[in-house]
PDB file of N, CA and C in Angstrom:
ATOM      1  N   UNK A   1       0.851  -1.165   0.000  1.00  0.00           N
ATOM      2  CA  UNK A   1       0.000   0.000   0.000  1.00  0.00           C
ATOM      3  C   UNK A   1       0.899   1.231   0.000  1.00  0.00           C
ATOM      4  N   UNK A   2       0.528   2.215  -0.781  1.00  0.00           N
ATOM      5  CA  UNK A   2       1.298   3.445  -0.844  1.00  0.00           C
ATOM      6  C   UNK A   2       0.399   4.633  -1.099  1.00  0.00           C
ATOM      7  N   UNK A   3       0.932   5.804  -0.877  1.00  0.00           N
ATOM      8  CA  UNK A   3       0.145   7.017  -1.106  1.00  0.00           C
ATOM      9  C   UNK A   3       0.302   7.466  -2.555  1.00  0.00           C
ATOM     10  N   UNK A   4      -0.654   8.260  -3.020  1.00  0.00           N
ATOM     11  CA  UNK A   4      -0.649   8.741  -4.398  1.00  0.00           C
ATOM     12  C   UNK A   4      -0.928  10.230  -4.377  1.00  0.00           C
ATOM     13  N   UNK A   5      -0.071  11.007  -4.984  1.00  0.00           N
ATOM     14  CA  UNK A   5      -0.224  12.456  -5.052  1.00  0.00           C
ATOM     15  C   UNK A   5      -0.758  12.817  -6.434  1.00  0.00           C
ATOM     16  N   UNK A   6      -2.023  13.230  -6.475  1.00  0.00           N
ATOM     17  CA  UNK A   6      -2.660  13.530  -7.760  1.00  0.00           C
ATOM     18  C   UNK A   6      -1.958  14.689  -8.465  1.00  0.00           C
ATOM     19  N   UNK A   7      -1.672  15.767  -7.733  1.00  0.00           N
ATOM     20  CA  UNK A   7      -1.045  16.943  -8.355  1.00  0.00           C
ATOM     21  C   UNK A   7       0.338  16.615  -8.901  1.00  0.00           C
ATOM     22  N   UNK A   8       1.117  15.823  -8.180  1.00  0.00           N
ATOM     23  CA  UNK A   8       2.473  15.485  -8.634  1.00  0.00           C
ATOM     24  C   UNK A   8       2.452  14.551  -9.838  1.00  0.00           C
ATOM     25  N   UNK A   9       1.398  13.756  -9.988  1.00  0.00           N
ATOM     26  CA  UNK A   9       1.303  12.804 -11.093  1.00  0.00           C
ATOM     27  C   UNK A   9       0.417  13.302 -12.228  1.00  0.00           C
ATOM     28  N   UNK A  10       0.137  14.578 -12.278  1.00  0.00           N
ATOM     29  CA  UNK A  10      -0.662  15.174 -13.346  1.00  0.00           C
ATOM     30  C   UNK A  10       0.138  15.110 -14.642  1.00  0.00           C
ATOM     31  N   UNK A  11      -0.379  14.430 -15.680  1.00  0.00           N
ATOM     32  CA  UNK A  11       0.399  14.310 -16.919  1.00  0.00           C
ATOM     33  C   UNK A  11       0.636  15.652 -17.615  1.00  0.00           C
ATOM     34  N   UNK A  12      -0.259  16.620 -17.427  1.00  0.00           N
ATOM     35  CA  UNK A  12      -0.076  17.935 -18.050  1.00  0.00           C
ATOM     36  C   UNK A  12       0.762  18.851 -17.172  1.00  0.00           C
ATOM     37  N   UNK A  13       1.074  18.431 -15.972  1.00  0.00           N
ATOM     38  CA  UNK A  13       1.876  19.194 -15.004  1.00  0.00           C
ATOM     39  C   UNK A  13       1.302  20.591 -14.748  1.00  0.00           C
ATOM     40  N   UNK A  14      -0.032  20.669 -14.681  1.00  0.00           N
ATOM     41  CA  UNK A  14      -0.681  21.949 -14.418  1.00  0.00           C
ATOM     42  C   UNK A  14      -0.792  22.242 -12.925  1.00  0.00           C
ATOM     43  N   UNK A  15      -0.820  21.204 -12.128  1.00  0.00           N
ATOM     44  CA  UNK A  15      -0.984  21.394 -10.684  1.00  0.00           C
ATOM     45  C   UNK A  15      -2.416  21.779 -10.345  1.00  0.00           C
ATOM     46  N   UNK A  16      -2.633  22.127  -9.120  1.00  0.00           N
ATOM     47  CA  UNK A  16      -3.969  22.516  -8.678  1.00  0.00           C
ATOM     48  C   UNK A  16      -4.238  23.977  -9.005  1.00  0.00           C
ATOM     49  N   UNK A  17      -5.485  24.266  -9.354  1.00  0.00           N
ATOM     50  CA  UNK A  17      -5.869  25.652  -9.604  1.00  0.00           C
ATOM     51  C   UNK A  17      -5.809  26.436  -8.299  1.00  0.00           C
ATOM     52  N   UNK A  18      -5.498  27.728  -8.366  1.00  0.00           N
ATOM     53  CA  UNK A  18      -5.403  28.537  -7.148  1.00  0.00           C
ATOM     54  C   UNK A  18      -6.687  28.537  -6.316  1.00  0.00           C
ATOM     55  N   UNK A  19      -7.852  28.505  -6.982  1.00  0.00           N
ATOM     56  CA  UNK A  19      -9.113  28.486  -6.244  1.00  0.00           C
ATOM     57  C   UNK A  19      -9.250  27.203  -5.425  1.00  0.00           C
ATOM     58  N   UNK A  20      -8.857  26.092  -6.008  1.00  0.00           N
ATOM     59  CA  UNK A  20      -8.919  24.809  -5.299  1.00  0.00           C
ATOM     60  C   UNK A  20      -7.905  24.795  -4.161  1.00  0.00           C
ATOM     61  N   UNK A  21      -6.715  25.329  -4.400  1.00  0.00           N
ATOM     62  CA  UNK A  21      -5.714  25.407  -3.331  1.00  0.00           C
ATOM     63  C   UNK A  21      -6.228  26.243  -2.166  1.00  0.00           C
ATOM     64  N   UNK A  22      -6.940  27.340  -2.456  1.00  0.00           N
ATOM     65  CA  UNK A  22      -7.486  28.194  -1.392  1.00  0.00           C
ATOM     66  C   UNK A  22      -8.535  27.445  -0.580  1.00  0.00           C
ATOM     67  N   UNK A  23      -9.400  26.692  -1.260  1.00  0.00           N
ATOM     68  CA  UNK A  23     -10.427  25.916  -0.549  1.00  0.00           C
ATOM     69  C   UNK A  23      -9.778  24.849   0.316  1.00  0.00           C
ATOM     70  N   UNK A  24      -8.823  24.130  -0.247  1.00  0.00           N
ATOM     71  CA  UNK A  24      -8.146  23.080   0.521  1.00  0.00           C
ATOM     72  C   UNK A  24      -7.356  23.663   1.691  1.00  0.00           C
ATOM     73  N   UNK A  25      -6.819  24.873   1.525  1.00  0.00           N
ATOM     74  CA  UNK A  25      -6.070  25.514   2.604  1.00  0.00           C
ATOM     75  C   UNK A  25      -6.937  25.894   3.794  1.00  0.00           C
ATOM     76  N   UNK A  26      -8.231  26.129   3.559  1.00  0.00           N
ATOM     77  CA  UNK A  26      -9.143  26.481   4.656  1.00  0.00           C
ATOM     78  C   UNK A  26      -9.750  25.254   5.332  1.00  0.00           C
ATOM     79  N   UNK A  27      -9.579  24.099   4.727  1.00  0.00           N
ATOM     80  CA  UNK A  27     -10.146  22.878   5.284  1.00  0.00           C
ATOM     81  C   UNK A  27      -9.305  22.419   6.470  1.00  0.00           C
ATOM     82  N   UNK A  28      -9.934  22.159   7.622  1.00  0.00           N
ATOM     83  CA  UNK A  28      -9.154  21.688   8.772  1.00  0.00           C
ATOM     84  C   UNK A  28      -8.520  20.325   8.481  1.00  0.00           C
ATOM     85  N   UNK A  29      -7.348  20.114   9.027  1.00  0.00           N
ATOM     86  CA  UNK A  29      -6.685  18.822   8.857  1.00  0.00           C
ATOM     87  C   UNK A  29      -7.419  17.761   9.669  1.00  0.00           C
ATOM     88  N   UNK A  30      -7.401  16.521   9.200  1.00  0.00           N
ATOM     89  CA  UNK A  30      -8.065  15.460   9.956  1.00  0.00           C
ATOM     90  C   UNK A  30      -7.438  15.290  11.337  1.00  0.00           C
ATOM     91  N   UNK A  31      -8.259  14.869  12.287  1.00  0.00           N
ATOM     92  CA  UNK A  31      -7.755  14.650  13.642  1.00  0.00           C
ATOM     93  C   UNK A  31      -8.132  13.275  14.181  1.00  0.00           C
ATOM     94  N   UNK A  32      -8.668  12.408  13.324  1.00  0.00           N
ATOM     95  CA  UNK A  32      -9.059  11.071  13.759  1.00  0.00           C
ATOM     96  C   UNK A  32      -8.547  10.069  12.734  1.00  0.00           C
ATOM     97  N   UNK A  33      -7.509   9.344  13.101  1.00  0.00           N
ATOM     98  CA  UNK A  33      -6.909   8.376  12.190  1.00  0.00           C
ATOM     99  C   UNK A  33      -7.383   6.959  12.471  1.00  0.00           C
ATOM    100  N   UNK A  34      -8.419   6.823  13.312  1.00  0.00           N
ATOM    101  CA  UNK A  34      -9.012   5.511  13.569  1.00  0.00           C
ATOM    102  C   UNK A  34      -9.995   5.139  12.462  1.00  0.00           C
ATOM    103  N   UNK A  35     -10.309   6.080  11.582  1.00  0.00           N
ATOM    104  CA  UNK A  35     -11.193   5.806  10.451  1.00  0.00           C
ATOM    105  C   UNK A  35     -10.388   5.960   9.166  1.00  0.00           C
ATOM    106  N   UNK A  36     -10.931   5.497   8.062  1.00  0.00           N
ATOM    107  CA  UNK A  36     -10.217   5.585   6.795  1.00  0.00           C
ATOM    108  C   UNK A  36      -9.271   4.409   6.631  1.00  0.00           C
ATOM    109  N   UNK A  37      -8.361   4.531   5.669  1.00  0.00           N
ATOM    110  CA  UNK A  37      -7.451   3.420   5.390  1.00  0.00           C
ATOM    111  C   UNK A  37      -6.136   3.512   6.156  1.00  0.00           C
ATOM    112  N   UNK A  38      -5.972   4.544   6.972  1.00  0.00           N
ATOM    113  CA  UNK A  38      -4.764   4.663   7.781  1.00  0.00           C
ATOM    114  C   UNK A  38      -3.592   5.284   7.056  1.00  0.00           C
ATOM    115  N   UNK A  39      -3.744   5.575   5.765  1.00  0.00           N
ATOM    116  CA  UNK A  39      -2.642   6.164   5.016  1.00  0.00           C
ATOM    117  C   UNK A  39      -3.101   7.390   4.217  1.00  0.00           C
ATOM    118  N   UNK A  40      -4.080   7.185   3.363  1.00  0.00           N
ATOM    119  CA  UNK A  40      -4.528   8.265   2.482  1.00  0.00           C
ATOM    120  C   UNK A  40      -5.743   9.027   2.995  1.00  0.00           C
ATOM    121  N   UNK A  41      -6.507   8.418   3.831  1.00  0.00           N
ATOM    122  CA  UNK A  41      -7.733   9.060   4.308  1.00  0.00           C
ATOM    123  C   UNK A  41      -7.800   9.006   5.824  1.00  0.00           C
ATOM    124  N   UNK A  42      -8.461   9.986   6.390  1.00  0.00           N
ATOM    125  CA  UNK A  42      -8.681  10.049   7.837  1.00  0.00           C
ATOM    126  C   UNK A  42     -10.006  10.774   8.053  1.00  0.00           C
ATOM    127  N   UNK A  43     -10.385  10.954   9.290  1.00  0.00           N
ATOM    128  CA  UNK A  43     -11.677  11.562   9.583  1.00  0.00           C
ATOM    129  C   UNK A  43     -11.563  12.731  10.534  1.00  0.00           C
ATOM    130  N   UNK A  44     -12.728  13.232  10.925  1.00  0.00           N
ATOM    131  CA  UNK A  44     -12.822  14.350  11.858  1.00  0.00           C
ATOM    132  C   UNK A  44     -13.577  13.907  13.099  1.00  0.00           C
ATOM    133  N   UNK A  45     -13.058  14.269  14.235  1.00  0.00           N
ATOM    134  CA  UNK A  45     -13.816  14.203  15.480  1.00  0.00           C
ATOM    135  C   UNK A  45     -14.097  15.649  15.849  1.00  0.00           C
ATOM    136  N   UNK A  46     -15.348  15.972  16.102  1.00  0.00           N
ATOM    137  CA  UNK A  46     -15.705  17.361  16.371  1.00  0.00           C
ATOM    138  C   UNK A  46     -16.879  17.422  17.325  1.00  0.00           C
ATOM    139  N   UNK A  47     -17.038  18.577  17.934  1.00  0.00           N
ATOM    140  CA  UNK A  47     -18.182  18.840  18.796  1.00  0.00           C
ATOM    141  C   UNK A  47     -19.372  19.180  17.911  1.00  0.00           C
ATOM    142  N   UNK A  48     -20.492  18.576  18.184  1.00  0.00           N
ATOM    143  CA  UNK A  48     -21.694  18.897  17.416  1.00  0.00           C
ATOM    144  C   UNK A  48     -22.101  20.338  17.694  1.00  0.00           C
ATOM    145  N   UNK A  49     -22.419  21.051  16.646  1.00  0.00           N
ATOM    146  CA  UNK A  49     -22.844  22.437  16.818  1.00  0.00           C
ATOM    147  C   UNK A  49     -24.160  22.528  17.562  1.00  0.00           C
ATOM    148  N   UNK A  50     -24.281  23.571  18.299  1.00  0.00           N
ATOM    149  CA  UNK A  50     -25.510  23.861  19.021  1.00  0.00           C
ATOM    150  C   UNK A  50     -25.783  25.340  18.839  1.00  0.00           C
ATOM    151  N   UNK A  51     -26.979  25.679  18.455  1.00  0.00           N
ATOM    152  CA  UNK A  51     -27.359  27.080  18.334  1.00  0.00           C
ATOM    153  C   UNK A  51     -28.169  27.437  19.567  1.00  0.00           C
ATOM    154  N   UNK A  52     -27.623  28.307  20.385  1.00  0.00           N
ATOM    155  CA  UNK A  52     -28.294  28.716  21.619  1.00  0.00           C
ATOM    156  C   UNK A  52     -28.829  30.121  21.443  1.00  0.00           C
ATOM    157  N   UNK A  53     -30.134  30.254  21.538  1.00  0.00           N
ATOM    158  CA  UNK A  53     -30.753  31.572  21.529  1.00  0.00           C
ATOM    159  C   UNK A  53     -31.025  31.950  22.976  1.00  0.00           C
ATOM    160  N   UNK A  54     -30.550  33.100  23.354  1.00  0.00           N
ATOM    161  CA  UNK A  54     -30.660  33.532  24.741  1.00  0.00           C
ATOM    162  C   UNK A  54     -31.286  34.916  24.772  1.00  0.00           C
ATOM    163  N   UNK A  55     -32.223  35.111  25.673  1.00  0.00           N
ATOM    164  CA  UNK A  55     -32.904  36.398  25.807  1.00  0.00           C
ATOM    165  C   UNK A  55     -32.648  36.935  27.205  1.00  0.00           C
ATOM    166  N   UNK A  56     -32.053  38.116  27.299  1.00  0.00           N
ATOM    167  CA  UNK A  56     -31.704  38.710  28.590  1.00  0.00           C
ATOM    168  C   UNK A  56     -31.910  40.216  28.582  1.00  0.00           C
ATOM    169  N   UNK A  57     -32.798  40.708  29.394  1.00  0.00           N
ATOM    170  CA  UNK A  57     -32.948  42.114  29.768  1.00  0.00           C
ATOM    171  C   UNK A  57     -33.567  42.082  31.151  1.00  0.00           C
ATOM    172  N   UNK A  58     -33.255  43.024  31.940  1.00  0.00           N
ATOM    173  CA  UNK A  58     -33.855  43.073  33.267  1.00  0.00           C
ATOM    174  C   UNK A  58     -34.321  44.489  33.557  1.00  0.00           C
ATOM    175  N   UNK A  59     -35.563  44.594  34.002  1.00  0.00           N
ATOM    176  CA  UNK A  59     -36.133  45.866  34.415  1.00  0.00           C
ATOM    177  C   UNK A  59     -36.907  45.613  35.700  1.00  0.00           C
ATOM    178  N   UNK A  60     -36.675  46.430  36.685  1.00  0.00           N
ATOM    179  CA  UNK A  60     -37.344  46.280  37.975  1.00  0.00           C
ATOM    180  C   UNK A  60     -37.914  47.639  38.368  1.00  0.00           C
ATOM    181  N   UNK A  61     -39.197  47.658  38.692  1.00  0.00           N
ATOM    182  CA  UNK A  61     -39.856  48.883  39.139  1.00  0.00           C
ATOM    183  C   UNK A  61     -40.577  48.587  40.450  1.00  0.00           C
ATOM    184  N   UNK A  62     -40.307  49.378  41.458  1.00  0.00           N
ATOM    185  CA  UNK A  62     -40.992  49.315  42.750  1.00  0.00           C
ATOM    186  C   UNK A  62     -41.440  50.726  43.099  1.00  0.00           C
ATOM    187  N   UNK A  63     -42.690  50.845  43.490  1.00  0.00           N
ATOM    188  CA  UNK A  63     -43.176  52.170  43.898  1.00  0.00           C
ATOM    189  C   UNK A  63     -44.193  52.019  45.028  1.00  0.00           C
ATOM    190  N   UNK A  64     -44.008  52.781  46.077  1.00  0.00           N
ATOM    191  CA  UNK A  64     -44.956  52.837  47.190  1.00  0.00           C
ATOM    192  C   UNK A  64     -45.741  54.138  47.074  1.00  0.00           C
ATOM    193  N   UNK A  65     -47.030  54.006  46.813  1.00  0.00           N
ATOM    194  CA  UNK A  65     -47.890  55.193  46.757  1.00  0.00           C
ATOM    195  C   UNK A  65     -48.172  55.730  48.161  1.00  0.00           C
ATOM    196  N   UNK A  66     -48.434  54.794  49.078  1.00  0.00           N
ATOM    197  CA  UNK A  66     -48.628  55.126  50.495  1.00  0.00           C
ATOM    198  C   UNK A  66     -48.421  53.847  51.282  1.00  0.00           C
ATOM    199  N   UNK A  67     -48.728  53.845  52.560  1.00  0.00           N
ATOM    200  CA  UNK A  67     -48.455  52.676  53.400  1.00  0.00           C
ATOM    201  C   UNK A  67     -49.321  51.474  53.030  1.00  0.00           C
ATOM    202  N   UNK A  68     -50.426  51.680  52.310  1.00  0.00           N
ATOM    203  CA  UNK A  68     -51.312  50.572  51.967  1.00  0.00           C
ATOM    204  C   UNK A  68     -51.334  50.245  50.470  1.00  0.00           C
ATOM    205  N   UNK A  69     -50.720  51.067  49.661  1.00  0.00           N
ATOM    206  CA  UNK A  69     -50.757  50.859  48.211  1.00  0.00           C
ATOM    207  C   UNK A  69     -49.349  50.942  47.624  1.00  0.00           C
ATOM    208  N   UNK A  70     -49.006  49.893  46.912  1.00  0.00           N
ATOM    209  CA  UNK A  70     -47.702  49.860  46.239  1.00  0.00           C
ATOM    210  C   UNK A  70     -47.851  49.103  44.921  1.00  0.00           C
ATOM    211  N   UNK A  71     -46.861  49.262  44.093  1.00  0.00           N
ATOM    212  CA  UNK A  71     -46.852  48.567  42.809  1.00  0.00           C
ATOM    213  C   UNK A  71     -45.415  48.125  42.519  1.00  0.00           C
ATOM    214  N   UNK A  72     -45.303  46.990  41.852  1.00  0.00           N
ATOM    215  CA  UNK A  72     -43.977  46.555  41.427  1.00  0.00           C
ATOM    216  C   UNK A  72     -44.113  45.879  40.069  1.00  0.00           C
ATOM    217  N   UNK A  73     -43.032  45.857  39.351  1.00  0.00           N
ATOM    218  CA  UNK A  73     -43.009  45.182  38.062  1.00  0.00           C
ATOM    219  C   UNK A  73     -41.613  44.672  37.752  1.00  0.00           C
ATOM    220  N   UNK A  74     -41.567  43.549  37.059  1.00  0.00           N
ATOM    221  CA  UNK A  74     -40.301  42.958  36.635  1.00  0.00           C
ATOM    222  C   UNK A  74     -40.419  42.602  35.160  1.00  0.00           C
ATOM    223  N   UNK A  75     -39.383  42.892  34.391  1.00  0.00           N
ATOM    224  CA  UNK A  75     -39.381  42.545  32.980  1.00  0.00           C
ATOM    225  C   UNK A  75     -37.974  42.106  32.609  1.00  0.00           C
ATOM    226  N   UNK A  76     -37.862  40.982  31.916  1.00  0.00           N
ATOM    227  CA  UNK A  76     -36.560  40.479  31.478  1.00  0.00           C
ATOM    228  C   UNK A  76     -36.654  40.096  30.002  1.00  0.00           C
ATOM    229  N   UNK A  77     -35.687  40.583  29.194  1.00  0.00           N
ATOM    230  CA  UNK A  77     -35.648  40.265  27.772  1.00  0.00           C
ATOM    231  C   UNK A  77     -34.239  40.531  27.253  1.00  0.00           C
ATOM    232  N   UNK A  78     -33.850  39.898  26.188  1.00  0.00           N
ATOM    233  CA  UNK A  78     -32.565  40.106  25.530  1.00  0.00           C
ATOM    234  C   UNK A  78     -32.433  39.131  24.384  1.00  0.00           C
ATOM    235  N   UNK A  79     -31.307  39.145  23.689  1.00  0.00           N
ATOM    236  CA  UNK A  79     -31.145  38.273  22.528  1.00  0.00           C
ATOM    237  C   UNK A  79     -29.662  37.972  22.305  1.00  0.00           C
ATOM    238  N   UNK A  80     -29.347  36.712  22.125  1.00  0.00           N
ATOM    239  CA  UNK A  80     -27.975  36.300  21.817  1.00  0.00           C
ATOM    240  C   UNK A  80     -28.026  34.958  21.116  1.00  0.00           C
ATOM    241  N   UNK A  81     -27.348  34.831  19.998  1.00  0.00           N
ATOM    242  CA  UNK A  81     -27.202  33.554  19.306  1.00  0.00           C
ATOM    243  C   UNK A  81     -25.759  33.100  19.454  1.00  0.00           C
ATOM    244  N   UNK A  82     -25.554  31.899  19.923  1.00  0.00           N
ATOM    245  CA  UNK A  82     -24.221  31.335  20.064  1.00  0.00           C
ATOM    246  C   UNK A  82     -24.171  30.030  19.290  1.00  0.00           C
ATOM    247  N   UNK A  83     -23.216  29.915  18.378  1.00  0.00           N
ATOM    248  CA  UNK A  83     -23.041  28.677  17.636  1.00  0.00           C
ATOM    249  C   UNK A  83     -21.792  27.986  18.153  1.00  0.00           C
ATOM    250  N   UNK A  84     -21.920  26.756  18.528  1.00  0.00           N
ATOM    251  CA  UNK A  84     -20.833  25.990  19.119  1.00  0.00           C
ATOM    252  C   UNK A  84     -21.387  25.210  20.293  1.00  0.00           C
ATOM    253  N   UNK A  85     -20.576  24.430  20.919  1.00  0.00           N
ATOM    254  CA  UNK A  85     -21.016  23.631  22.058  1.00  0.00           C
ATOM    255  C   UNK A  85     -20.856  24.464  23.317  1.00  0.00           C
ATOM    256  N   UNK A  86     -21.853  25.252  23.633  1.00  0.00           N
ATOM    257  CA  UNK A  86     -21.757  26.167  24.766  1.00  0.00           C
ATOM    258  C   UNK A  86     -22.046  25.479  26.092  1.00  0.00           C
ATOM    259  N   UNK A  87     -22.622  24.287  26.057  1.00  0.00           N
ATOM    260  CA  UNK A  87     -22.965  23.589  27.294  1.00  0.00           C
ATOM    261  C   UNK A  87     -21.738  22.918  27.902  1.00  0.00           C
ATOM    262  N   UNK A  88     -20.930  22.279  27.083  1.00  0.00           N
ATOM    263  CA  UNK A  88     -19.784  21.513  27.571  1.00  0.00           C
ATOM    264  C   UNK A  88     -18.503  22.321  27.448  1.00  0.00           C
ATOM    265  N   UNK A  89     -18.339  23.297  28.284  1.00  0.00           N
ATOM    266  CA  UNK A  89     -17.132  24.129  28.373  1.00  0.00           C
ATOM    267  C   UNK A  89     -16.922  25.017  27.149  1.00  0.00           C
ATOM    268  N   UNK A  90     -17.933  25.188  26.318  1.00  0.00           N
ATOM    269  CA  UNK A  90     -17.824  26.106  25.190  1.00  0.00           C
ATOM    270  C   UNK A  90     -16.865  25.664  24.113  1.00  0.00           C
ATOM    271  N   UNK A  91     -16.743  24.372  23.877  1.00  0.00           N
ATOM    272  CA  UNK A  91     -15.804  23.879  22.872  1.00  0.00           C
ATOM    273  C   UNK A  91     -16.242  24.283  21.475  1.00  0.00           C
ATOM    274  N   UNK A  92     -15.291  24.672  20.661  1.00  0.00           N
ATOM    275  CA  UNK A  92     -15.566  25.041  19.271  1.00  0.00           C
ATOM    276  C   UNK A  92     -15.813  23.782  18.445  1.00  0.00           C
ATOM    277  N   UNK A  93     -16.484  23.910  17.271  1.00  0.00           N
ATOM    278  CA  UNK A  93     -16.730  22.741  16.443  1.00  0.00           C
ATOM    279  C   UNK A  93     -15.443  22.016  16.033  1.00  0.00           C
ATOM    280  N   UNK A  94     -14.408  22.769  15.641  1.00  0.00           N
ATOM    281  CA  UNK A  94     -13.108  22.199  15.329  1.00  0.00           C
ATOM    282  C   UNK A  94     -12.086  22.850  16.253  1.00  0.00           C
ATOM    283  N   UNK A  95     -10.979  22.183  16.537  1.00  0.00           N
ATOM    284  CA  UNK A  95     -10.003  22.748  17.476  1.00  0.00           C
ATOM    285  C   UNK A  95      -9.485  24.127  17.097  1.00  0.00           C
ATOM    286  N   UNK A  96      -9.438  24.452  15.816  1.00  0.00           N
ATOM    287  CA  UNK A  96      -8.879  25.742  15.407  1.00  0.00           C
ATOM    288  C   UNK A  96      -9.933  26.802  15.129  1.00  0.00           C
ATOM    289  N   UNK A  97     -11.210  26.494  15.342  1.00  0.00           N
ATOM    290  CA  UNK A  97     -12.254  27.479  15.055  1.00  0.00           C
ATOM    291  C   UNK A  97     -12.903  27.960  16.352  1.00  0.00           C
ATOM    292  N   UNK A  98     -13.294  29.239  16.398  1.00  0.00           N
ATOM    293  CA  UNK A  98     -13.877  29.783  17.630  1.00  0.00           C
ATOM    294  C   UNK A  98     -15.378  29.542  17.702  1.00  0.00           C
ATOM    295  N   UNK A  99     -15.943  29.680  18.899  1.00  0.00           N
ATOM    296  CA  UNK A  99     -17.392  29.775  19.018  1.00  0.00           C
ATOM    297  C   UNK A  99     -17.813  31.095  18.400  1.00  0.00           C
ATOM    298  N   UNK A 100     -18.967  31.121  17.806  1.00  0.00           N
ATOM    299  CA  UNK A 100     -19.462  32.337  17.170  1.00  0.00           C
ATOM    300  C   UNK A 100     -20.595  32.875  18.019  1.00  0.00           C
ATOM    301  N   UNK A 101     -20.398  34.071  18.576  1.00  0.00           N
ATOM    302  CA  UNK A 101     -21.430  34.686  19.416  1.00  0.00           C
ATOM    303  C   UNK A 101     -21.912  35.941  18.731  1.00  0.00           C
TER     304      UNK A 101
END
């Protein structure tokens, strides 16, 4: 068994197009070698993404009109979207990518 380099064995010696090289350069390297053939292919172990919508605002009103009459009110609202595993220590989907808040 041996590895095969497609770009190096291109009969026209054109190599990879710059657009393809850019896409491949942004792809995270595999981090799980327990899958695949052990030489040419490998896999990814990653945290499953979770989208957390969070609403947070706090408003508190207290008013005493007199000793027998008072009013109070509470209101809470807000908004936040977090993509990533925010429950288990905030791990990013891949080791080199951040959580997106």
